[in-house]
Amino acid sequence: MEIKENSQMSVTDSEGVEHLMQILFTYENEERGAKYVFFYEAGDENAEVMVFKYTDEGELIEIEDEEEYAE
């Protein structure tokens, strides 16, 4: 994950293809000690909003716990 101007970030998928994403907002949960980013693919009006945890190093981590995701 690389943060760009205008609240956008670049994400490379598992096939090595880079995608430009629009960041809606970030959220930090101090209880869990986790940071979250809400985003969608830039330029796609019908894109699904995605939520991932992220590290200070910019690594995105998929949320697998249903309770955490529902939060």
PDB file of N, CA and C in Angstrom:
ATOM      1  N   MET A   1       0.855  -1.174   0.000  1.00  0.00           N
ATOM      2  CA  MET A   1       0.000   0.000   0.000  1.00  0.00           C
ATOM      3  C   MET A   1       0.890   1.222   0.000  1.00  0.00           C
ATOM      4  N   GLU A   2       0.643   2.116  -0.924  1.00  0.00           N
ATOM      5  CA  GLU A   2       1.372   3.376  -1.007  1.00  0.00           C
ATOM      6  C   GLU A   2       0.351   4.501  -1.060  1.00  0.00           C
ATOM      7  N   ILE A   3       0.382   5.406  -0.061  1.00  0.00           N
ATOM      8  CA  ILE A   3      -0.549   6.529  -0.012  1.00  0.00           C
ATOM      9  C   ILE A   3      -0.124   7.568  -1.048  1.00  0.00           C
ATOM     10  N   LYS A   4      -1.079   8.028  -1.835  1.00  0.00           N
ATOM     11  CA  LYS A   4      -0.834   9.056  -2.838  1.00  0.00           C
ATOM     12  C   LYS A   4      -1.625  10.308  -2.474  1.00  0.00           C
ATOM     13  N   GLU A   5      -1.544  11.330  -3.304  1.00  0.00           N
ATOM     14  CA  GLU A   5      -2.295  12.558  -3.071  1.00  0.00           C
ATOM     15  C   GLU A   5      -3.797  12.302  -3.189  1.00  0.00           C
ATOM     16  N   ASN A   6      -4.605  13.238  -2.689  1.00  0.00           N
ATOM     17  CA  ASN A   6      -6.066  13.182  -2.802  1.00  0.00           C
ATOM     18  C   ASN A   6      -6.674  11.956  -2.141  1.00  0.00           C
ATOM     19  N   SER A   7      -6.098  11.506  -1.041  1.00  0.00           N
ATOM     20  CA  SER A   7      -6.623  10.357  -0.303  1.00  0.00           C
ATOM     21  C   SER A   7      -6.755   9.122  -1.183  1.00  0.00           C
ATOM     22  N   GLN A   8      -5.749   8.867  -1.967  1.00  0.00           N
ATOM     23  CA  GLN A   8      -5.721   7.673  -2.798  1.00  0.00           C
ATOM     24  C   GLN A   8      -4.518   6.833  -2.408  1.00  0.00           C
ATOM     25  N   MET A   9      -4.591   5.550  -2.737  1.00  0.00           N
ATOM     26  CA  MET A   9      -3.470   4.659  -2.482  1.00  0.00           C
ATOM     27  C   MET A   9      -3.351   3.681  -3.633  1.00  0.00           C
ATOM     28  N   SER A  10      -2.176   3.180  -3.796  1.00  0.00           N
ATOM     29  CA  SER A  10      -1.895   2.197  -4.828  1.00  0.00           C
ATOM     30  C   SER A  10      -1.782   0.835  -4.154  1.00  0.00           C
ATOM     31  N   VAL A  11      -2.517  -0.150  -4.677  1.00  0.00           N
ATOM     32  CA  VAL A  11      -2.519  -1.500  -4.115  1.00  0.00           C
ATOM     33  C   VAL A  11      -2.177  -2.476  -5.242  1.00  0.00           C
ATOM     34  N   THR A  12      -1.239  -3.376  -4.962  1.00  0.00           N
ATOM     35  CA  THR A  12      -0.875  -4.397  -5.938  1.00  0.00           C
ATOM     36  C   THR A  12      -1.541  -5.702  -5.546  1.00  0.00           C
ATOM     37  N   ASP A  13      -2.290  -6.307  -6.476  1.00  0.00           N
ATOM     38  CA  ASP A  13      -2.994  -7.555  -6.171  1.00  0.00           C
ATOM     39  C   ASP A  13      -2.061  -8.757  -6.276  1.00  0.00           C
ATOM     40  N   SER A  14      -2.584  -9.942  -6.019  1.00  0.00           N
ATOM     41  CA  SER A  14      -1.776 -11.168  -5.985  1.00  0.00           C
ATOM     42  C   SER A  14      -1.190 -11.531  -7.344  1.00  0.00           C
ATOM     43  N   GLU A  15      -1.731 -10.938  -8.404  1.00  0.00           N
ATOM     44  CA  GLU A  15      -1.212 -11.209  -9.751  1.00  0.00           C
ATOM     45  C   GLU A  15      -0.225 -10.141 -10.212  1.00  0.00           C
ATOM     46  N   GLY A  16       0.101  -9.194  -9.312  1.00  0.00           N
ATOM     47  CA  GLY A  16       1.065  -8.157  -9.629  1.00  0.00           C
ATOM     48  C   GLY A  16       0.491  -6.949 -10.341  1.00  0.00           C
ATOM     49  N   VAL A  17      -0.838  -6.872 -10.437  1.00  0.00           N
ATOM     50  CA  VAL A  17      -1.495  -5.748 -11.102  1.00  0.00           C
ATOM     51  C   VAL A  17      -1.742  -4.645 -10.070  1.00  0.00           C
ATOM     52  N   GLU A  18      -1.349  -3.414 -10.425  1.00  0.00           N
ATOM     53  CA  GLU A  18      -1.520  -2.287  -9.521  1.00  0.00           C
ATOM     54  C   GLU A  18      -2.883  -1.640  -9.745  1.00  0.00           C
ATOM     55  N   HIS A  19      -3.571  -1.289  -8.640  1.00  0.00           N
ATOM     56  CA  HIS A  19      -4.888  -0.661  -8.690  1.00  0.00           C
ATOM     57  C   HIS A  19      -4.841   0.637  -7.892  1.00  0.00           C
ATOM     58  N   LEU A  20      -5.480   1.680  -8.409  1.00  0.00           N
ATOM     59  CA  LEU A  20      -5.587   2.947  -7.702  1.00  0.00           C
ATOM     60  C   LEU A  20      -6.877   2.923  -6.897  1.00  0.00           C
ATOM     61  N   MET A  21      -6.780   3.126  -5.604  1.00  0.00           N
ATOM     62  CA  MET A  21      -7.926   3.067  -4.693  1.00  0.00           C
ATOM     63  C   MET A  21      -8.176   4.432  -4.073  1.00  0.00           C
ATOM     64  N   GLN A  22      -9.452   4.730  -3.876  1.00  0.00           N
ATOM     65  CA  GLN A  22      -9.866   5.958  -3.209  1.00  0.00           C
ATOM     66  C   GLN A  22     -10.129   5.638  -1.741  1.00  0.00           C
ATOM     67  N   ILE A  23      -9.457   6.324  -0.841  1.00  0.00           N
ATOM     68  CA  ILE A  23      -9.647   6.100   0.594  1.00  0.00           C
ATOM     69  C   ILE A  23     -10.841   6.920   1.074  1.00  0.00           C
ATOM     70  N   LEU A  24     -11.792   6.249   1.717  1.00  0.00           N
ATOM     71  CA  LEU A  24     -12.931   6.944   2.315  1.00  0.00           C
ATOM     72  C   LEU A  24     -12.535   7.518   3.663  1.00  0.00           C
ATOM     73  N   PHE A  25     -11.976   6.664   4.531  1.00  0.00           N
ATOM     74  CA  PHE A  25     -11.476   7.118   5.818  1.00  0.00           C
ATOM     75  C   PHE A  25     -10.669   6.004   6.478  1.00  0.00           C
ATOM     76  N   THR A  26      -9.946   6.390   7.511  1.00  0.00           N
ATOM     77  CA  THR A  26      -9.213   5.415   8.323  1.00  0.00           C
ATOM     78  C   THR A  26      -9.775   5.484   9.737  1.00  0.00           C
ATOM     79  N   TYR A  27      -9.550   4.408  10.477  1.00  0.00           N
ATOM     80  CA  TYR A  27     -10.111   4.287  11.819  1.00  0.00           C
ATOM     81  C   TYR A  27      -9.122   3.497  12.668  1.00  0.00           C
ATOM     82  N   GLU A  28      -8.881   3.956  13.889  1.00  0.00           N
ATOM     83  CA  GLU A  28      -7.998   3.234  14.792  1.00  0.00           C
ATOM     84  C   GLU A  28      -8.784   2.774  16.010  1.00  0.00           C
ATOM     85  N   ASN A  29      -8.681   1.481  16.321  1.00  0.00           N
ATOM     86  CA  ASN A  29      -9.323   0.913  17.496  1.00  0.00           C
ATOM     87  C   ASN A  29      -8.233   0.635  18.521  1.00  0.00           C
ATOM     88  N   GLU A  30      -8.172   1.458  19.541  1.00  0.00           N
ATOM     89  CA  GLU A  30      -7.121   1.325  20.549  1.00  0.00           C
ATOM     90  C   GLU A  30      -7.252   0.045  21.352  1.00  0.00           C
ATOM     91  N   GLU A  31      -8.501  -0.405  21.615  1.00  0.00           N
ATOM     92  CA  GLU A  31      -8.713  -1.660  22.350  1.00  0.00           C
ATOM     93  C   GLU A  31      -8.078  -2.842  21.645  1.00  0.00           C
ATOM     94  N   ARG A  32      -8.274  -2.925  20.339  1.00  0.00           N
ATOM     95  CA  ARG A  32      -7.720  -4.020  19.542  1.00  0.00           C
ATOM     96  C   ARG A  32      -6.277  -3.765  19.140  1.00  0.00           C
ATOM     97  N   GLY A  33      -5.849  -2.510  19.248  1.00  0.00           N
ATOM     98  CA  GLY A  33      -4.510  -2.156  18.798  1.00  0.00           C
ATOM     99  C   GLY A  33      -4.392  -2.293  17.283  1.00  0.00           C
ATOM    100  N   ALA A  34      -5.466  -1.926  16.569  1.00  0.00           N
ATOM    101  CA  ALA A  34      -5.499  -2.110  15.119  1.00  0.00           C
ATOM    102  C   ALA A  34      -5.949  -0.830  14.425  1.00  0.00           C
ATOM    103  N   LYS A  35      -5.437  -0.650  13.204  1.00  0.00           N
ATOM    104  CA  LYS A  35      -5.831   0.460  12.343  1.00  0.00           C
ATOM    105  C   LYS A  35      -6.538  -0.128  11.132  1.00  0.00           C
ATOM    106  N   TYR A  36      -7.574   0.570  10.665  1.00  0.00           N
ATOM    107  CA  TYR A  36      -8.372   0.095   9.541  1.00  0.00           C
ATOM    108  C   TYR A  36      -8.455   1.177   8.467  1.00  0.00           C
ATOM    109  N   VAL A  37      -8.551   0.741   7.220  1.00  0.00           N
ATOM    110  CA  VAL A  37      -8.739   1.659   6.103  1.00  0.00           C
ATOM    111  C   VAL A  37      -9.938   1.184   5.284  1.00  0.00           C
ATOM    112  N   PHE A  38     -10.819   2.110   4.953  1.00  0.00           N
ATOM    113  CA  PHE A  38     -12.015   1.843   4.142  1.00  0.00           C
ATOM    114  C   PHE A  38     -11.760   2.481   2.781  1.00  0.00           C
ATOM    115  N   PHE A  39     -11.892   1.700   1.709  1.00  0.00           N
ATOM    116  CA  PHE A  39     -11.554   2.214   0.382  1.00  0.00           C
ATOM    117  C   PHE A  39     -12.316   1.474  -0.713  1.00  0.00           C
ATOM    118  N   TYR A  40     -12.251   2.032  -1.923  1.00  0.00           N
ATOM    119  CA  TYR A  40     -12.857   1.401  -3.096  1.00  0.00           C
ATOM    120  C   TYR A  40     -11.986   1.733  -4.307  1.00  0.00           C
ATOM    121  N   GLU A  41     -12.193   1.008  -5.404  1.00  0.00           N
ATOM    122  CA  GLU A  41     -11.396   1.241  -6.603  1.00  0.00           C
ATOM    123  C   GLU A  41     -11.795   2.568  -7.228  1.00  0.00           C
ATOM    124  N   ALA A  42     -10.813   3.455  -7.372  1.00  0.00           N
ATOM    125  CA  ALA A  42     -11.053   4.793  -7.926  1.00  0.00           C
ATOM    126  C   ALA A  42     -11.597   4.690  -9.345  1.00  0.00           C
ATOM    127  N   GLY A  43     -12.554   5.545  -9.654  1.00  0.00           N
ATOM    128  CA  GLY A  43     -13.121   5.596 -10.990  1.00  0.00           C
ATOM    129  C   GLY A  43     -14.243   4.609 -11.244  1.00  0.00           C
ATOM    130  N   ASP A  44     -14.536   3.737 -10.307  1.00  0.00           N
ATOM    131  CA  ASP A  44     -15.601   2.739 -10.470  1.00  0.00           C
ATOM    132  C   ASP A  44     -16.757   3.116  -9.550  1.00  0.00           C
ATOM    133  N   GLU A  45     -17.781   3.721 -10.106  1.00  0.00           N
ATOM    134  CA  GLU A  45     -18.923   4.189  -9.310  1.00  0.00           C
ATOM    135  C   GLU A  45     -19.675   3.050  -8.628  1.00  0.00           C
ATOM    136  N   ASN A  46     -19.569   1.836  -9.147  1.00  0.00           N
ATOM    137  CA  ASN A  46     -20.270   0.685  -8.573  1.00  0.00           C
ATOM    138  C   ASN A  46     -19.358  -0.190  -7.726  1.00  0.00           C
ATOM    139  N   ALA A  47     -18.183   0.296  -7.424  1.00  0.00           N
ATOM    140  CA  ALA A  47     -17.203  -0.502  -6.681  1.00  0.00           C
ATOM    141  C   ALA A  47     -17.678  -0.771  -5.258  1.00  0.00           C
ATOM    142  N   GLU A  48     -17.345  -1.938  -4.780  1.00  0.00           N
ATOM    143  CA  GLU A  48     -17.652  -2.331  -3.410  1.00  0.00           C
ATOM    144  C   GLU A  48     -16.633  -1.692  -2.471  1.00  0.00           C
ATOM    145  N   VAL A  49     -17.106  -1.207  -1.330  1.00  0.00           N
ATOM    146  CA  VAL A  49     -16.205  -0.661  -0.320  1.00  0.00           C
ATOM    147  C   VAL A  49     -15.520  -1.828   0.385  1.00  0.00           C
ATOM    148  N   MET A  50     -14.209  -1.744   0.507  1.00  0.00           N
ATOM    149  CA  MET A  50     -13.422  -2.783   1.173  1.00  0.00           C
ATOM    150  C   MET A  50     -12.862  -2.235   2.474  1.00  0.00           C
ATOM    151  N   VAL A  51     -12.677  -3.108   3.443  1.00  0.00           N
ATOM    152  CA  VAL A  51     -12.118  -2.741   4.739  1.00  0.00           C
ATOM    153  C   VAL A  51     -10.984  -3.705   5.039  1.00  0.00           C
ATOM    154  N   PHE A  52      -9.818  -3.160   5.350  1.00  0.00           N
ATOM    155  CA  PHE A  52      -8.661  -3.965   5.720  1.00  0.00           C
ATOM    156  C   PHE A  52      -7.993  -3.330   6.921  1.00  0.00           C
ATOM    157  N   LYS A  53      -7.303  -4.135   7.701  1.00  0.00           N
ATOM    158  CA  LYS A  53      -6.395  -3.613   8.707  1.00  0.00           C
ATOM    159  C   LYS A  53      -5.141  -3.176   7.966  1.00  0.00           C
ATOM    160  N   TYR A  54      -4.391  -2.255   8.564  1.00  0.00           N
ATOM    161  CA  TYR A  54      -3.114  -1.897   7.957  1.00  0.00           C
ATOM    162  C   TYR A  54      -2.080  -1.646   9.050  1.00  0.00           C
ATOM    163  N   THR A  55      -0.831  -1.846   8.674  1.00  0.00           N
ATOM    164  CA  THR A  55       0.283  -1.649   9.604  1.00  0.00           C
ATOM    165  C   THR A  55       0.948  -0.304   9.322  1.00  0.00           C
ATOM    166  N   ASP A  56       1.829   0.118  10.230  1.00  0.00           N
ATOM    167  CA  ASP A  56       2.571   1.360  10.033  1.00  0.00           C
ATOM    168  C   ASP A  56       3.480   1.282   8.809  1.00  0.00           C
ATOM    169  N   GLU A  57       3.817   0.061   8.395  1.00  0.00           N
ATOM    170  CA  GLU A  57       4.672  -0.137   7.224  1.00  0.00           C
ATOM    171  C   GLU A  57       3.868  -0.132   5.921  1.00  0.00           C
ATOM    172  N   GLY A  58       2.537  -0.019   6.019  1.00  0.00           N
ATOM    173  CA  GLY A  58       1.690   0.050   4.843  1.00  0.00           C
ATOM    174  C   GLY A  58       1.184  -1.293   4.346  1.00  0.00           C
ATOM    175  N   GLU A  59       1.349  -2.336   5.141  1.00  0.00           N
ATOM    176  CA  GLU A  59       0.858  -3.663   4.754  1.00  0.00           C
ATOM    177  C   GLU A  59      -0.638  -3.762   5.043  1.00  0.00           C
ATOM    178  N   LEU A  60      -1.400  -4.247   4.063  1.00  0.00           N
ATOM    179  CA  LEU A  60      -2.830  -4.484   4.254  1.00  0.00           C
ATOM    180  C   LEU A  60      -3.041  -5.907   4.740  1.00  0.00           C
ATOM    181  N   ILE A  61      -3.925  -6.071   5.728  1.00  0.00           N
ATOM    182  CA  ILE A  61      -4.209  -7.381   6.314  1.00  0.00           C
ATOM    183  C   ILE A  61      -5.713  -7.614   6.250  1.00  0.00           C
ATOM    184  N   GLU A  62      -6.098  -8.707   5.616  1.00  0.00           N
ATOM    185  CA  GLU A  62      -7.516  -9.041   5.493  1.00  0.00           C
ATOM    186  C   GLU A  62      -8.116  -9.335   6.866  1.00  0.00           C
ATOM    187  N   ILE A  63      -9.327  -8.862   7.102  1.00  0.00           N
ATOM    188  CA  ILE A  63     -10.030  -9.109   8.363  1.00  0.00           C
ATOM    189  C   ILE A  63     -10.774 -10.428   8.217  1.00  0.00           C
ATOM    190  N   GLU A  64     -10.435 -11.405   9.031  1.00  0.00           N
ATOM    191  CA  GLU A  64     -11.038 -12.732   8.938  1.00  0.00           C
ATOM    192  C   GLU A  64     -12.036 -13.007  10.055  1.00  0.00           C
ATOM    193  N   ASP A  65     -11.975 -12.260  11.140  1.00  0.00           N
ATOM    194  CA  ASP A  65     -12.843 -12.445  12.284  1.00  0.00           C
ATOM    195  C   ASP A  65     -14.164 -11.711  12.036  1.00  0.00           C
ATOM    196  N   GLU A  66     -15.279 -12.447  12.018  1.00  0.00           N
ATOM    197  CA  GLU A  66     -16.603 -11.867  11.739  1.00  0.00           C
ATOM    198  C   GLU A  66     -16.971 -10.759  12.726  1.00  0.00           C
ATOM    199  N   GLU A  67     -16.673 -10.971  14.007  1.00  0.00           N
ATOM    200  CA  GLU A  67     -16.988  -9.986  15.036  1.00  0.00           C
ATOM    201  C   GLU A  67     -16.203  -8.703  14.788  1.00  0.00           C
ATOM    202  N   GLU A  68     -14.935  -8.832  14.471  1.00  0.00           N
ATOM    203  CA  GLU A  68     -14.101  -7.658  14.194  1.00  0.00           C
ATOM    204  C   GLU A  68     -14.616  -6.927  12.959  1.00  0.00           C
ATOM    205  N   TYR A  69     -14.977  -7.666  11.929  1.00  0.00           N
ATOM    206  CA  TYR A  69     -15.477  -7.064  10.697  1.00  0.00           C
ATOM    207  C   TYR A  69     -16.801  -6.321  10.938  1.00  0.00           C
ATOM    208  N   ALA A  70     -17.664  -6.910  11.749  1.00  0.00           N
ATOM    209  CA  ALA A  70     -18.962  -6.301  12.044  1.00  0.00           C
ATOM    210  C   ALA A  70     -18.834  -5.002  12.836  1.00  0.00           C
ATOM    211  N   GLU A  71     -17.775  -4.915  13.606  1.00  0.00           N
ATOM    212  CA  GLU A  71     -17.534  -3.723  14.425  1.00  0.00           C
ATOM    213  C   GLU A  71     -17.504  -2.498  13.547  1.00  0.00           C
TER     214      GLU A  71
END
